[in-house]
């Protein structure tokens, strides 16, 4: 009789209020273990392969043969008793549905930690012209039309500071809306800005065209002004806060979020959240720890990273309390993790870069994402020549192949999938080298998130229906 062997790298166990919970790594699903399933897992984990009859005899004093058989059948159905040969998953086939236009390399600020490799001072900024933008939109629509079942596409404006090329944004939106209607494809627009150039007229324009807006802001004045300065070295908090209040008082099309970059001295995430969410009124705040910039002065140390994630856990407890009361406290990092667990996210690659998304520089060359414009990674085609499918397939195949990397057996491999390509590139020069400096702390963060998920699911599962599923419907 064939020996049974547990696929140990596909199982992670947690304990909650005396109960045993199994995290099924391939599907990000969670199962509460009863007495018999717990005993079967323990015995398979301890034994060096045993037959079904041997297992039934070992457990005969506690469970019937029928109970053991039923449990083994369930474990087999979810692939935990299969010795699968190593295979590289197939390339995801979604088609290009998001295109990022780098409309100006220039920025009116001089943030000390900026990762953009093609960033320029305002006077030296290189702007995309309308012809390049139109050809980019044509490529996006052609790709979106070929993506089975897709009737939507996303056009993202980025910089530098994109509002420094507002004339192009207006013209590109007009062209995209007309061309999209002609092809029966709805184009959604989004933009990340430092907010300093917002006016009432621009806000109303964005509102009319239902832009998704994200504001780069690092918290209250003392923290924001550490790094987010003008070219002349002056802090920008006062003007940004004023513009944010104006924006949030007028903008109704979609929720507005803030993006915070955490650097040495800017690690008090609870104070930052209280200010951005509680005082200014952002719908959601997401946090990005800086660990891979060119200047080590702005990278968080291991101790500072630990401090950040301790703050994340404090905010996570606040998230839990709010969720049990039926509210979302706007902690974007935790809400994304809840979304992944609810939907059973299985990330074969870190993000959509190179699969559903590409970025266009001012010359019309295609890059893996907006972070790589101006980098030495190389292009993946152009808006004139089209997408270089061969180069993309080679890159994505490398990302899918986890053999020889820590990701192959990591319990959060389908939630992290190796981490940000650009962060890896900035640290090691290899975009496919996993962000190992994060691994232990991210595993602990996911375990913490699973605990939060289980408590919400046990005490107020309707929270997910009201606050996660609508997010999925609009994504």
Foldseek 3Di string as FASTA:
>chain_A
DFWWAFPVLQWDWDADPNWIWIQRQQQRAIDTDDPLLVLLVVVRVPDPTDDLVVSCVVCVVPDHSVSSVVSVVVCVVSPGRDPDDDDQDDDDAFWAFEEEEAFKLEAQWFFPQDLAQSHDHPVPIDGADLVLLLLVLVQNVVRQLVGPPAQEGEYEYEYNARVVPVVSVVSSLVSNCVVSVVVNHHYAYEYEHCQLPDDPVVLVVCQVRLYAYEHEAQADQVQRQVGTGGPVNGGDRVSSLVSLLVNVVPHDSDAYEYEHEAWVVRQQVVRRLCCVCVPSNHQAYEYDYAAQGPDNNGHDDLVSVVSNVVNVLVVLVVQLVQVLVLHGSRHVVLLVLLLCSVNSFFALAQDCFLHHYWYQYSVFFTHSHSSCVNHPPDTQGGSVGHGNVVVSVVVVSLLSDCPPAPLVSQSNCRVHSQHALVSCCSHPVGSNHGPVSCRVVVVVVSSSSVNSSVVCCVRPVCSCVVPNVVVVVVD
